[in-house]
Amino acid sequence: MSPHLLVVGVACYDYIATFERYPEPDTKCTAISSTCGGGGNGANMSWGLATMGNAVVFVTLLYNDAHGSFIATELTSAGVDLSHCVRLDGRTAVSNIVLDQAGTRTIFHIPAEPKEPTADQVAACSAFGEEAPRLLVLDGRHADLAVGLARRYLAADPNLAVLLDCERENRPGLPALLDVASHPVCTEEFLLRLHPSSPADALASLAAFLRGRGGGRTRAVVVTRGAKGGYLAVRSPPGTPDAASRPSLASVPGWAVSAFDAAPAPAGRSIVDSTGAGDSLQAALAHCLVRGIPVEEAVVVAADVAVRNCCAPGTRNYPSPAQIEDMVTEHCRGKRQPSPPS
């Protein structure tokens, strides 16, 4: 049976330390607390989706070093299928994350070596022989592998939903990734860098982005804005009234743009670390979309999951599956679909 979701992206190892204040140069500071474990956008989303009860296949570069072995054990224990990973000798990427009590976050990243698979390794990836998943999630890394798999699956299922994390506008292969994506997710900073406006206006930049999607396969665009919530742009299906004739924050023919609020932190808790907020939002979004929940409702559930993930240090502070089910029921007005068969 094909997986519910297939994730293509990066896995790394995170060291996270919290200090009273950000260290000054040439000083020695003692951390208030610290933790470590697997990280990376694709790995975080795979872990989150598996803990929500989805059958997940994760395709990544998995290195034969100590960090790579830890990552493999951690993900496998969560139920993630790693059988199609590209395994190679080298060095796993490591992120050293510094938090302080003022709420700032600084990341010192040591890239993997080698950073990308060779053409032969891409061609030999066994995931090309699998049936199309119900939903494909791309974190923007390993573009040749991600785009190759997306095109292979889209040839079999042209309606396949493809969620894309648009983290950086200069990411190698971004134009090709956008061409296969049905649901790009980005920050407002990404849009402002990709389509600068004067004065800076995220809605104007979003409008330019939507016009650039033209007749492509993009169905919806999610724009996150941190504590300000975000924007959701949804393409009008053929034969429906033009988006310009319906309420919309941006006037772009064929699209309706609305805003969504940031979810409040649960009672008695506060935001302490935004690391992994986008990963948890996209994992929850994919969890809802694969169950047939409309994107307008799915994004509200996703925003709620993301804020809860930020209430403790680290990237994998997801609500329990039961709590997520309660959120789906609450935010989707009881319209949730049955869970997919396992």
C-alpha atoms as a PDB file:
ATOM      1  CA  MET A   1       0.000   0.000   0.000  1.00  0.00           C
ATOM      2  CA  SER A   2       1.275   3.486  -0.818  1.00  0.00           C
ATOM      3  CA  PRO A   3       2.130   5.721   2.167  1.00  0.00           C
ATOM      4  CA  HIS A   4      -0.206   8.447   3.333  1.00  0.00           C
ATOM      5  CA  LEU A   5       2.647  10.928   2.991  1.00  0.00           C
ATOM      6  CA  LEU A   6       6.122  11.016   1.524  1.00  0.00           C
ATOM      7  CA  VAL A   7       8.517  13.679   2.815  1.00  0.00           C
ATOM      8  CA  VAL A   8      11.697  14.713   0.977  1.00  0.00           C
ATOM      9  CA  GLY A   9      14.139  16.924   2.846  1.00  0.00           C
ATOM     10  CA  VAL A  10      16.979  17.366   5.267  1.00  0.00           C
ATOM     11  CA  ALA A  11      17.854  15.749   8.577  1.00  0.00           C
ATOM     12  CA  CYS A  12      20.385  17.217  11.003  1.00  0.00           C
ATOM     13  CA  TYR A  13      21.361  17.103  14.669  1.00  0.00           C
ATOM     14  CA  ASP A  14      20.489  19.978  17.031  1.00  0.00           C
ATOM     15  CA  TYR A  15      22.240  21.172  20.179  1.00  0.00           C
ATOM     16  CA  ILE A  16      20.007  23.685  21.998  1.00  0.00           C
ATOM     17  CA  ALA A  17      21.165  25.781  24.963  1.00  0.00           C
ATOM     18  CA  THR A  18      19.286  28.508  26.853  1.00  0.00           C
ATOM     19  CA  PHE A  19      21.171  31.391  28.517  1.00  0.00           C
ATOM     20  CA  GLU A  20      20.033  34.228  30.725  1.00  0.00           C
ATOM     21  CA  ARG A  21      21.222  36.641  28.042  1.00  0.00           C
ATOM     22  CA  TYR A  22      23.051  36.284  24.753  1.00  0.00           C
ATOM     23  CA  PRO A  23      26.783  35.734  25.436  1.00  0.00           C
ATOM     24  CA  GLU A  24      29.162  38.647  24.993  1.00  0.00           C
ATOM     25  CA  PRO A  25      32.356  38.130  22.951  1.00  0.00           C
ATOM     26  CA  ASP A  26      35.329  36.645  24.830  1.00  0.00           C
ATOM     27  CA  THR A  27      33.237  35.435  27.763  1.00  0.00           C
ATOM     28  CA  LYS A  28      32.367  32.056  29.207  1.00  0.00           C
ATOM     29  CA  CYS A  29      28.683  31.603  29.987  1.00  0.00           C
ATOM     30  CA  THR A  30      26.849  28.790  31.734  1.00  0.00           C
ATOM     31  CA  ALA A  31      23.618  27.594  30.141  1.00  0.00           C
ATOM     32  CA  ILE A  32      20.432  27.566  32.197  1.00  0.00           C
ATOM     33  CA  SER A  33      19.268  24.477  30.353  1.00  0.00           C
ATOM     34  CA  SER A  34      20.222  22.406  27.337  1.00  0.00           C
ATOM     35  CA  THR A  35      18.934  19.604  25.165  1.00  0.00           C
ATOM     36  CA  CYS A  36      19.930  17.816  21.993  1.00  0.00           C
ATOM     37  CA  GLY A  37      18.418  15.538  19.393  1.00  0.00           C
ATOM     38  CA  GLY A  38      17.370  15.198  15.790  1.00  0.00           C
ATOM     39  CA  GLY A  39      16.360  18.243  13.791  1.00  0.00           C
ATOM     40  CA  GLY A  40      16.071  19.501  10.234  1.00  0.00           C
ATOM     41  CA  ASN A  41      12.904  20.613   8.465  1.00  0.00           C
ATOM     42  CA  GLY A  42      12.097  17.384   6.681  1.00  0.00           C
ATOM     43  CA  ALA A  43      12.977  15.215   9.674  1.00  0.00           C
ATOM     44  CA  ASN A  44      10.883  17.354  12.026  1.00  0.00           C
ATOM     45  CA  MET A  45       7.863  17.175   9.724  1.00  0.00           C
ATOM     46  CA  SER A  46       8.274  13.416   9.255  1.00  0.00           C
ATOM     47  CA  TRP A  47       8.507  12.862  13.015  1.00  0.00           C
ATOM     48  CA  GLY A  48       5.465  15.057  13.662  1.00  0.00           C
ATOM     49  CA  LEU A  49       3.351  13.424  10.968  1.00  0.00           C
ATOM     50  CA  ALA A  50       4.214   9.940  12.223  1.00  0.00           C
ATOM     51  CA  THR A  51       3.331  10.822  15.817  1.00  0.00           C
ATOM     52  CA  MET A  52      -0.033  12.115  14.537  1.00  0.00           C
ATOM     53  CA  GLY A  53      -0.752   8.615  13.237  1.00  0.00           C
ATOM     54  CA  ASN A  54       0.179   8.912   9.566  1.00  0.00           C
ATOM     55  CA  ALA A  55       2.140   6.351   7.556  1.00  0.00           C
ATOM     56  CA  VAL A  56       5.221   8.376   6.561  1.00  0.00           C
ATOM     57  CA  VAL A  57       8.125   7.647   4.229  1.00  0.00           C
ATOM     58  CA  PHE A  58      11.068  10.043   4.606  1.00  0.00           C
ATOM     59  CA  VAL A  59      13.633  10.386   1.810  1.00  0.00           C
ATOM     60  CA  THR A  60      16.797  12.165   2.932  1.00  0.00           C
ATOM     61  CA  LEU A  61      20.573  11.859   2.951  1.00  0.00           C
ATOM     62  CA  LEU A  62      21.437   9.653   5.909  1.00  0.00           C
ATOM     63  CA  TYR A  63      25.115   9.674   6.830  1.00  0.00           C
ATOM     64  CA  ASN A  64      27.037   6.787   8.339  1.00  0.00           C
ATOM     65  CA  ASP A  65      28.286   8.685  11.407  1.00  0.00           C
ATOM     66  CA  ALA A  66      27.195   8.798  15.052  1.00  0.00           C
ATOM     67  CA  HIS A  67      24.717  11.620  14.514  1.00  0.00           C
ATOM     68  CA  GLY A  68      23.256   9.857  11.486  1.00  0.00           C
ATOM     69  CA  SER A  69      22.794   6.658  13.499  1.00  0.00           C
ATOM     70  CA  PHE A  70      21.017   8.583  16.268  1.00  0.00           C
ATOM     71  CA  ILE A  71      18.704  10.290  13.755  1.00  0.00           C
ATOM     72  CA  ALA A  72      17.838   6.974  12.112  1.00  0.00           C
ATOM     73  CA  THR A  73      17.027   5.343  15.459  1.00  0.00           C
ATOM     74  CA  GLU A  74      14.947   8.312  16.631  1.00  0.00           C
ATOM     75  CA  LEU A  75      12.863   8.513  13.458  1.00  0.00           C
ATOM     76  CA  THR A  76      12.404   4.765  13.148  1.00  0.00           C
ATOM     77  CA  SER A  77      11.224   4.621  16.771  1.00  0.00           C
ATOM     78  CA  ALA A  78       8.579   7.220  15.891  1.00  0.00           C
ATOM     79  CA  GLY A  79       7.329   5.022  13.046  1.00  0.00           C
ATOM     80  CA  VAL A  80       8.968   6.809  10.098  1.00  0.00           C
ATOM     81  CA  ASP A  81       9.938   4.575   7.161  1.00  0.00           C
ATOM     82  CA  LEU A  82      13.559   5.249   6.166  1.00  0.00           C
ATOM     83  CA  SER A  83      13.917   2.413   3.684  1.00  0.00           C
ATOM     84  CA  HIS A  84      14.307   4.762   0.688  1.00  0.00           C
ATOM     85  CA  CYS A  85      16.950   7.083   2.166  1.00  0.00           C
ATOM     86  CA  VAL A  86      20.177   7.781   0.308  1.00  0.00           C
ATOM     87  CA  ARG A  87      22.824   6.363   2.641  1.00  0.00           C
ATOM     88  CA  LEU A  88      26.378   7.601   2.295  1.00  0.00           C
ATOM     89  CA  ASP A  89      29.637   8.200   4.105  1.00  0.00           C
ATOM     90  CA  GLY A  90      30.183  11.738   5.313  1.00  0.00           C
ATOM     91  CA  ARG A  91      29.213  14.181   8.057  1.00  0.00           C
ATOM     92  CA  THR A  92      25.697  14.906   9.299  1.00  0.00           C
ATOM     93  CA  ALA A  93      24.738  18.589   9.480  1.00  0.00           C
ATOM     94  CA  VAL A  94      24.751  20.035  13.008  1.00  0.00           C
ATOM     95  CA  SER A  95      22.909  23.123  14.284  1.00  0.00           C
ATOM     96  CA  ASN A  96      23.956  24.822  17.536  1.00  0.00           C
ATOM     97  CA  ILE A  97      20.948  26.846  18.714  1.00  0.00           C
ATOM     98  CA  VAL A  98      21.396  29.578  21.332  1.00  0.00           C
ATOM     99  CA  LEU A  99      18.300  30.896  23.135  1.00  0.00           C
ATOM    100  CA  ASP A 100      18.097  33.613  25.770  1.00  0.00           C
ATOM    101  CA  GLN A 101      15.438  34.734  28.213  1.00  0.00           C
ATOM    102  CA  ALA A 102      14.792  37.873  26.165  1.00  0.00           C
ATOM    103  CA  GLY A 103      13.345  35.613  23.492  1.00  0.00           C
ATOM    104  CA  THR A 104      16.111  35.812  20.892  1.00  0.00           C
ATOM    105  CA  ARG A 105      17.339  32.821  18.924  1.00  0.00           C
ATOM    106  CA  THR A 106      20.670  32.426  17.134  1.00  0.00           C
ATOM    107  CA  ILE A 107      21.625  29.373  15.081  1.00  0.00           C
ATOM    108  CA  PHE A 108      25.208  28.366  14.258  1.00  0.00           C
ATOM    109  CA  HIS A 109      24.964  25.789  11.476  1.00  0.00           C
ATOM    110  CA  ILE A 110      27.655  23.329  10.349  1.00  0.00           C
ATOM    111  CA  PRO A 111      26.609  21.971   6.921  1.00  0.00           C
ATOM    112  CA  ALA A 112      26.641  18.318   6.011  1.00  0.00           C
ATOM    113  CA  GLU A 113      29.424  16.975   3.859  1.00  0.00           C
ATOM    114  CA  PRO A 114      28.653  16.155   1.102  1.00  0.00           C
ATOM    115  CA  LYS A 115      25.631  18.476   1.002  1.00  0.00           C
ATOM    116  CA  GLU A 116      23.862  16.978  -2.024  1.00  0.00           C
ATOM    117  CA  PRO A 117      23.518  13.521  -3.558  1.00  0.00           C
ATOM    118  CA  THR A 118      25.257  12.769  -6.837  1.00  0.00           C
ATOM    119  CA  ALA A 119      23.249  12.289 -10.041  1.00  0.00           C
ATOM    120  CA  ASP A 120      23.868   8.549  -9.785  1.00  0.00           C
ATOM    121  CA  GLN A 121      22.590   8.470  -6.190  1.00  0.00           C
ATOM    122  CA  VAL A 122      19.462  10.368  -7.216  1.00  0.00           C
ATOM    123  CA  ALA A 123      18.816   7.985 -10.105  1.00  0.00           C
ATOM    124  CA  ALA A 124      19.334   4.965  -7.844  1.00  0.00           C
ATOM    125  CA  CYS A 125      16.899   6.137  -5.128  1.00  0.00           C
ATOM    126  CA  SER A 126      14.423   3.303  -4.648  1.00  0.00           C
ATOM    127  CA  ALA A 127      11.536   5.724  -3.957  1.00  0.00           C
ATOM    128  CA  PHE A 128      11.227   6.205  -7.745  1.00  0.00           C
ATOM    129  CA  GLY A 129       9.818   2.689  -7.947  1.00  0.00           C
ATOM    130  CA  GLU A 130       7.035   3.312  -5.426  1.00  0.00           C
ATOM    131  CA  GLU A 131       3.400   4.239  -6.048  1.00  0.00           C
ATOM    132  CA  ALA A 132       2.436   7.879  -5.628  1.00  0.00           C
ATOM    133  CA  PRO A 133       1.690   8.834  -2.001  1.00  0.00           C
ATOM    134  CA  ARG A 134      -1.536  10.537  -0.998  1.00  0.00           C
ATOM    135  CA  LEU A 135       0.414  13.745  -0.339  1.00  0.00           C
ATOM    136  CA  LEU A 136       4.019  14.792  -1.009  1.00  0.00           C
ATOM    137  CA  VAL A 137       5.889  17.143   1.344  1.00  0.00           C
ATOM    138  CA  LEU A 138       9.069  18.917   0.186  1.00  0.00           C
ATOM    139  CA  ASP A 139      11.193  21.003   2.556  1.00  0.00           C
ATOM    140  CA  GLY A 140      13.073  22.761  -0.281  1.00  0.00           C
ATOM    141  CA  ARG A 141      16.336  20.816   0.057  1.00  0.00           C
ATOM    142  CA  HIS A 142      17.856  18.229  -2.306  1.00  0.00           C
ATOM    143  CA  ALA A 143      15.992  19.842  -5.204  1.00  0.00           C
ATOM    144  CA  ASP A 144      17.099  17.396  -7.910  1.00  0.00           C
ATOM    145  CA  LEU A 145      15.842  14.444  -5.886  1.00  0.00           C
ATOM    146  CA  ALA A 146      12.653  16.241  -4.752  1.00  0.00           C
ATOM    147  CA  VAL A 147      11.683  17.518  -8.202  1.00  0.00           C
ATOM    148  CA  GLY A 148      12.503  14.184  -9.828  1.00  0.00           C
ATOM    149  CA  LEU A 149      10.244  12.324  -7.410  1.00  0.00           C
ATOM    150  CA  ALA A 150       7.483  14.932  -7.713  1.00  0.00           C
ATOM    151  CA  ARG A 151       7.440  14.714 -11.500  1.00  0.00           C
ATOM    152  CA  ARG A 152       7.463  10.917 -11.362  1.00  0.00           C
ATOM    153  CA  TYR A 153       4.454  10.851  -9.031  1.00  0.00           C
ATOM    154  CA  LEU A 154       2.601  13.673 -10.835  1.00  0.00           C
ATOM    155  CA  ALA A 155       2.839  11.714 -14.080  1.00  0.00           C
ATOM    156  CA  ALA A 156       0.861   8.958 -12.338  1.00  0.00           C
ATOM    157  CA  ASP A 157      -1.463  11.296 -10.419  1.00  0.00           C
ATOM    158  CA  PRO A 158      -1.718  14.847 -11.834  1.00  0.00           C
ATOM    159  CA  ASN A 159      -3.923  15.888  -8.893  1.00  0.00           C
ATOM    160  CA  LEU A 160      -1.383  14.912  -6.249  1.00  0.00           C
ATOM    161  CA  ALA A 161      -1.077  17.595  -3.558  1.00  0.00           C
ATOM    162  CA  VAL A 162       2.522  18.787  -3.073  1.00  0.00           C
ATOM    163  CA  LEU A 163       3.298  20.899  -0.004  1.00  0.00           C
ATOM    164  CA  LEU A 164       6.480  22.995  -0.345  1.00  0.00           C
ATOM    165  CA  ASP A 165       8.418  24.791   2.386  1.00  0.00           C
ATOM    166  CA  CYS A 166       9.682  28.004   0.724  1.00  0.00           C
ATOM    167  CA  GLU A 167      12.200  28.880   3.402  1.00  0.00           C
ATOM    168  CA  ARG A 168      14.665  30.931   1.341  1.00  0.00           C
ATOM    169  CA  GLU A 169      14.294  32.750  -1.938  1.00  0.00           C
ATOM    170  CA  ASN A 170      17.821  31.812  -3.047  1.00  0.00           C
ATOM    171  CA  ARG A 171      17.458  28.091  -2.365  1.00  0.00           C
ATOM    172  CA  PRO A 172      18.947  26.098  -5.286  1.00  0.00           C
ATOM    173  CA  GLY A 173      16.223  24.698  -7.524  1.00  0.00           C
ATOM    174  CA  LEU A 174      13.420  26.881  -6.108  1.00  0.00           C
ATOM    175  CA  PRO A 175      11.789  27.694  -9.509  1.00  0.00           C
ATOM    176  CA  ALA A 176      11.513  23.988 -10.354  1.00  0.00           C
ATOM    177  CA  LEU A 177      10.181  23.219  -6.867  1.00  0.00           C
ATOM    178  CA  LEU A 178       7.521  25.923  -7.209  1.00  0.00           C
ATOM    179  CA  ASP A 179       6.490  24.478 -10.578  1.00  0.00           C
ATOM    180  CA  VAL A 180       5.512  21.163  -8.945  1.00  0.00           C
ATOM    181  CA  ALA A 181       4.038  22.602  -5.732  1.00  0.00           C
ATOM    182  CA  SER A 182       0.304  22.821  -5.136  1.00  0.00           C
ATOM    183  CA  HIS A 183       0.585  24.331  -1.636  1.00  0.00           C
ATOM    184  CA  PRO A 184       3.651  26.579  -1.136  1.00  0.00           C
ATOM    185  CA  VAL A 185       4.173  27.752   2.459  1.00  0.00           C
ATOM    186  CA  CYS A 186       6.397  30.762   3.133  1.00  0.00           C
ATOM    187  CA  THR A 187       7.043  33.624   5.529  1.00  0.00           C
ATOM    188  CA  GLU A 188       6.235  37.230   4.743  1.00  0.00           C
ATOM    189  CA  GLU A 189       9.997  37.919   4.835  1.00  0.00           C
ATOM    190  CA  PHE A 190      10.437  35.403   2.006  1.00  0.00           C
ATOM    191  CA  LEU A 191       7.857  37.260  -0.108  1.00  0.00           C
ATOM    192  CA  LEU A 192       9.352  40.679   0.613  1.00  0.00           C
ATOM    193  CA  ARG A 193      12.780  39.466  -0.487  1.00  0.00           C
ATOM    194  CA  LEU A 194      11.436  37.659  -3.554  1.00  0.00           C
ATOM    195  CA  HIS A 195       9.153  40.524  -4.654  1.00  0.00           C
ATOM    196  CA  PRO A 196      10.347  43.756  -2.969  1.00  0.00           C
ATOM    197  CA  SER A 197       7.795  46.544  -2.644  1.00  0.00           C
ATOM    198  CA  SER A 198       8.153  50.158  -1.542  1.00  0.00           C
ATOM    199  CA  PRO A 199       6.997  50.724   1.082  1.00  0.00           C
ATOM    200  CA  ALA A 200       7.377  47.129   2.248  1.00  0.00           C
ATOM    201  CA  ASP A 201       3.955  45.508   1.926  1.00  0.00           C
ATOM    202  CA  ALA A 202       3.545  41.753   2.294  1.00  0.00           C
ATOM    203  CA  LEU A 203       0.163  41.811   0.541  1.00  0.00           C
ATOM    204  CA  ALA A 204       1.636  43.598  -2.488  1.00  0.00           C
ATOM    205  CA  SER A 205       4.451  41.061  -2.569  1.00  0.00           C
ATOM    206  CA  LEU A 206       1.948  38.221  -2.237  1.00  0.00           C
ATOM    207  CA  ALA A 207      -0.044  39.629  -5.163  1.00  0.00           C
ATOM    208  CA  ALA A 208       3.117  39.662  -7.299  1.00  0.00           C
ATOM    209  CA  PHE A 209       3.860  36.086  -6.259  1.00  0.00           C
ATOM    210  CA  LEU A 210       0.337  34.946  -7.188  1.00  0.00           C
ATOM    211  CA  ARG A 211       0.524  36.615 -10.595  1.00  0.00           C
ATOM    212  CA  GLY A 212       3.763  34.726 -11.168  1.00  0.00           C
ATOM    213  CA  ARG A 213       1.964  31.449 -10.470  1.00  0.00           C
ATOM    214  CA  GLY A 214      -0.261  32.176 -13.491  1.00  0.00           C
ATOM    215  CA  GLY A 215      -1.664  28.969 -14.917  1.00  0.00           C
ATOM    216  CA  GLY A 216       0.551  26.749 -12.761  1.00  0.00           C
ATOM    217  CA  ARG A 217      -0.637  23.984 -10.484  1.00  0.00           C
ATOM    218  CA  THR A 218      -0.597  26.076  -7.291  1.00  0.00           C
ATOM    219  CA  ARG A 219      -3.940  25.760  -5.477  1.00  0.00           C
ATOM    220  CA  ALA A 220      -3.248  27.655  -2.253  1.00  0.00           C
ATOM    221  CA  VAL A 221      -0.447  29.722  -0.721  1.00  0.00           C
ATOM    222  CA  VAL A 222       0.089  30.016   3.051  1.00  0.00           C
ATOM    223  CA  VAL A 223       2.058  33.033   4.306  1.00  0.00           C
ATOM    224  CA  THR A 224       3.126  32.997   7.957  1.00  0.00           C
ATOM    225  CA  ARG A 225       3.683  36.244   9.890  1.00  0.00           C
ATOM    226  CA  GLY A 226       4.668  35.045  13.365  1.00  0.00           C
ATOM    227  CA  ALA A 227       2.608  36.605  16.131  1.00  0.00           C
ATOM    228  CA  LYS A 228       0.579  38.489  13.490  1.00  0.00           C
ATOM    229  CA  GLY A 229      -0.917  35.292  12.108  1.00  0.00           C
ATOM    230  CA  GLY A 230      -0.757  34.982   8.350  1.00  0.00           C
ATOM    231  CA  TYR A 231      -2.397  35.156   4.952  1.00  0.00           C
ATOM    232  CA  LEU A 232      -4.057  32.428   2.925  1.00  0.00           C
ATOM    233  CA  ALA A 233      -4.512  32.721  -0.843  1.00  0.00           C
ATOM    234  CA  VAL A 234      -6.811  30.190  -2.492  1.00  0.00           C
ATOM    235  CA  ARG A 235      -7.209  29.795  -6.233  1.00  0.00           C
ATOM    236  CA  SER A 236     -10.799  29.939  -7.498  1.00  0.00           C
ATOM    237  CA  PRO A 237     -11.914  26.670  -9.128  1.00  0.00           C
ATOM    238  CA  PRO A 238     -12.849  26.945 -12.816  1.00  0.00           C
ATOM    239  CA  GLY A 239     -16.408  28.136 -13.316  1.00  0.00           C
ATOM    240  CA  THR A 240     -16.678  29.924  -9.962  1.00  0.00           C
ATOM    241  CA  PRO A 241     -17.025  33.714  -9.568  1.00  0.00           C
ATOM    242  CA  ASP A 242     -13.743  35.518 -10.049  1.00  0.00           C
ATOM    243  CA  ALA A 243     -11.808  36.185  -6.849  1.00  0.00           C
ATOM    244  CA  ALA A 244     -11.997  39.913  -7.564  1.00  0.00           C
ATOM    245  CA  SER A 245     -15.777  39.763  -7.086  1.00  0.00           C
ATOM    246  CA  ARG A 246     -15.445  38.154  -3.648  1.00  0.00           C
ATOM    247  CA  PRO A 247     -13.981  39.562  -0.434  1.00  0.00           C
ATOM    248  CA  SER A 248     -10.200  39.530  -0.779  1.00  0.00           C
ATOM    249  CA  LEU A 249      -7.327  41.409   0.831  1.00  0.00           C
ATOM    250  CA  ALA A 250      -5.417  41.501  -2.462  1.00  0.00           C
ATOM    251  CA  SER A 251      -6.887  42.099  -5.893  1.00  0.00           C
ATOM    252  CA  VAL A 252      -5.542  39.273  -8.039  1.00  0.00           C
ATOM    253  CA  PRO A 253      -7.836  37.730 -10.661  1.00  0.00           C
ATOM    254  CA  GLY A 254      -8.543  34.092  -9.895  1.00  0.00           C
ATOM    255  CA  TRP A 255      -7.475  34.269  -6.244  1.00  0.00           C
ATOM    256  CA  ALA A 256      -9.120  35.037  -2.902  1.00  0.00           C
ATOM    257  CA  VAL A 257      -6.788  36.261  -0.151  1.00  0.00           C
ATOM    258  CA  SER A 258      -7.785  36.204   3.525  1.00  0.00           C
ATOM    259  CA  ALA A 259      -6.035  36.601   6.868  1.00  0.00           C
ATOM    260  CA  PHE A 260      -5.841  34.147   9.750  1.00  0.00           C
ATOM    261  CA  ASP A 261      -4.932  34.917  13.356  1.00  0.00           C
ATOM    262  CA  ALA A 262      -2.058  33.493  15.346  1.00  0.00           C
ATOM    263  CA  ALA A 263      -3.312  31.045  17.940  1.00  0.00           C
ATOM    264  CA  PRO A 264      -2.879  32.048  21.601  1.00  0.00           C
ATOM    265  CA  ALA A 265      -0.577  30.038  23.837  1.00  0.00           C
ATOM    266  CA  PRO A 266      -2.441  27.594  26.099  1.00  0.00           C
ATOM    267  CA  ALA A 267      -3.379  28.895  29.537  1.00  0.00           C
ATOM    268  CA  GLY A 268      -0.410  29.060  31.884  1.00  0.00           C
ATOM    269  CA  ARG A 269       2.173  28.698  29.096  1.00  0.00           C
ATOM    270  CA  SER A 270       4.173  31.148  27.004  1.00  0.00           C
ATOM    271  CA  ILE A 271       6.315  31.200  23.873  1.00  0.00           C
ATOM    272  CA  VAL A 272       9.932  30.274  24.668  1.00  0.00           C
ATOM    273  CA  ASP A 273      11.423  29.015  21.390  1.00  0.00           C
ATOM    274  CA  SER A 274      10.233  29.521  17.815  1.00  0.00           C
ATOM    275  CA  THR A 275      12.646  26.925  16.430  1.00  0.00           C
ATOM    276  CA  GLY A 276      10.592  24.450  14.409  1.00  0.00           C
ATOM    277  CA  ALA A 277       7.409  26.545  14.403  1.00  0.00           C
ATOM    278  CA  GLY A 278       7.184  26.417  10.633  1.00  0.00           C
ATOM    279  CA  ASP A 279       7.885  22.679  10.578  1.00  0.00           C
ATOM    280  CA  SER A 280       5.101  21.928  13.050  1.00  0.00           C
ATOM    281  CA  LEU A 281       2.680  24.215  11.182  1.00  0.00           C
ATOM    282  CA  GLN A 282       3.376  22.430   7.909  1.00  0.00           C
ATOM    283  CA  ALA A 283       3.184  18.972   9.472  1.00  0.00           C
ATOM    284  CA  ALA A 284      -0.234  19.792  10.919  1.00  0.00           C
ATOM    285  CA  LEU A 285      -1.315  21.330   7.609  1.00  0.00           C
ATOM    286  CA  ALA A 286      -0.320  18.149   5.753  1.00  0.00           C
ATOM    287  CA  HIS A 287      -2.047  16.018   8.402  1.00  0.00           C
ATOM    288  CA  CYS A 288      -5.299  17.886   7.756  1.00  0.00           C
ATOM    289  CA  LEU A 289      -5.011  18.054   3.957  1.00  0.00           C
ATOM    290  CA  VAL A 290      -4.411  14.313   3.598  1.00  0.00           C
ATOM    291  CA  ARG A 291      -7.680  13.780   5.472  1.00  0.00           C
ATOM    292  CA  GLY A 292      -9.613  15.981   3.056  1.00  0.00           C
ATOM    293  CA  ILE A 293     -10.036  18.960   5.404  1.00  0.00           C
ATOM    294  CA  PRO A 294     -10.347  22.229   3.412  1.00  0.00           C
ATOM    295  CA  VAL A 295      -7.223  24.366   3.516  1.00  0.00           C
ATOM    296  CA  GLU A 296      -9.182  27.279   5.025  1.00  0.00           C
ATOM    297  CA  GLU A 297      -9.832  25.147   8.130  1.00  0.00           C
ATOM    298  CA  ALA A 298      -6.586  23.211   8.027  1.00  0.00           C
ATOM    299  CA  VAL A 299      -4.487  26.372   8.379  1.00  0.00           C
ATOM    300  CA  VAL A 300      -6.262  27.286  11.630  1.00  0.00           C
ATOM    301  CA  VAL A 301      -5.479  23.874  13.125  1.00  0.00           C
ATOM    302  CA  ALA A 302      -1.885  24.228  11.904  1.00  0.00           C
ATOM    303  CA  ALA A 303      -1.463  27.634  13.560  1.00  0.00           C
ATOM    304  CA  ASP A 304      -2.696  26.161  16.859  1.00  0.00           C
ATOM    305  CA  VAL A 305      -0.243  23.249  16.671  1.00  0.00           C
ATOM    306  CA  ALA A 306       2.623  25.627  15.824  1.00  0.00           C
ATOM    307  CA  VAL A 307       2.128  27.877  18.837  1.00  0.00           C
ATOM    308  CA  ARG A 308       1.991  24.894  21.187  1.00  0.00           C
ATOM    309  CA  ASN A 309       5.260  23.638  19.695  1.00  0.00           C
ATOM    310  CA  CYS A 310       6.851  26.968  20.664  1.00  0.00           C
ATOM    311  CA  CYS A 311       6.016  26.614  24.370  1.00  0.00           C
ATOM    312  CA  ALA A 312       9.155  24.581  25.166  1.00  0.00           C
ATOM    313  CA  PRO A 313      12.730  24.525  23.825  1.00  0.00           C
ATOM    314  CA  GLY A 314      13.314  22.373  20.767  1.00  0.00           C
ATOM    315  CA  THR A 315      11.532  21.454  17.581  1.00  0.00           C
ATOM    316  CA  ARG A 316       9.312  18.510  18.491  1.00  0.00           C
ATOM    317  CA  ASN A 317       6.956  19.649  21.247  1.00  0.00           C
ATOM    318  CA  TYR A 318       3.825  18.562  19.409  1.00  0.00           C
ATOM    319  CA  PRO A 319       0.474  18.201  21.149  1.00  0.00           C
ATOM    320  CA  SER A 320      -0.593  14.617  21.752  1.00  0.00           C
ATOM    321  CA  PRO A 321      -2.595  12.868  19.016  1.00  0.00           C
ATOM    322  CA  ALA A 322      -5.709  13.172  21.195  1.00  0.00           C
ATOM    323  CA  GLN A 323      -5.170  16.928  21.600  1.00  0.00           C
ATOM    324  CA  ILE A 324      -4.726  17.322  17.850  1.00  0.00           C
ATOM    325  CA  GLU A 325      -7.961  15.421  17.260  1.00  0.00           C
ATOM    326  CA  ASP A 326      -9.696  17.848  19.630  1.00  0.00           C
ATOM    327  CA  MET A 327      -8.260  20.804  17.663  1.00  0.00           C
ATOM    328  CA  VAL A 328      -9.485  19.312  14.402  1.00  0.00           C
ATOM    329  CA  THR A 329     -12.969  18.897  15.864  1.00  0.00           C
ATOM    330  CA  GLU A 330     -12.957  22.441  17.306  1.00  0.00           C
ATOM    331  CA  HIS A 331     -11.549  24.338  14.344  1.00  0.00           C
ATOM    332  CA  CYS A 332     -13.201  22.286  11.616  1.00  0.00           C
ATOM    333  CA  ARG A 333     -16.657  22.584  13.166  1.00  0.00           C
ATOM    334  CA  GLY A 334     -17.037  18.831  13.414  1.00  0.00           C
ATOM    335  CA  LYS A 335     -16.433  18.308   9.688  1.00  0.00           C
ATOM    336  CA  ARG A 336     -13.328  16.172  10.059  1.00  0.00           C
ATOM    337  CA  GLN A 337     -12.895  13.187   7.784  1.00  0.00           C
ATOM    338  CA  PRO A 338     -12.281   9.673   9.090  1.00  0.00           C
ATOM    339  CA  SER A 339      -8.646   8.913   9.824  1.00  0.00           C
ATOM    340  CA  PRO A 340      -6.936   7.184   6.889  1.00  0.00           C
ATOM    341  CA  PRO A 341      -6.552   3.422   7.216  1.00  0.00           C
ATOM    342  CA  SER A 342      -3.253   2.258   8.670  1.00  0.00           C
END
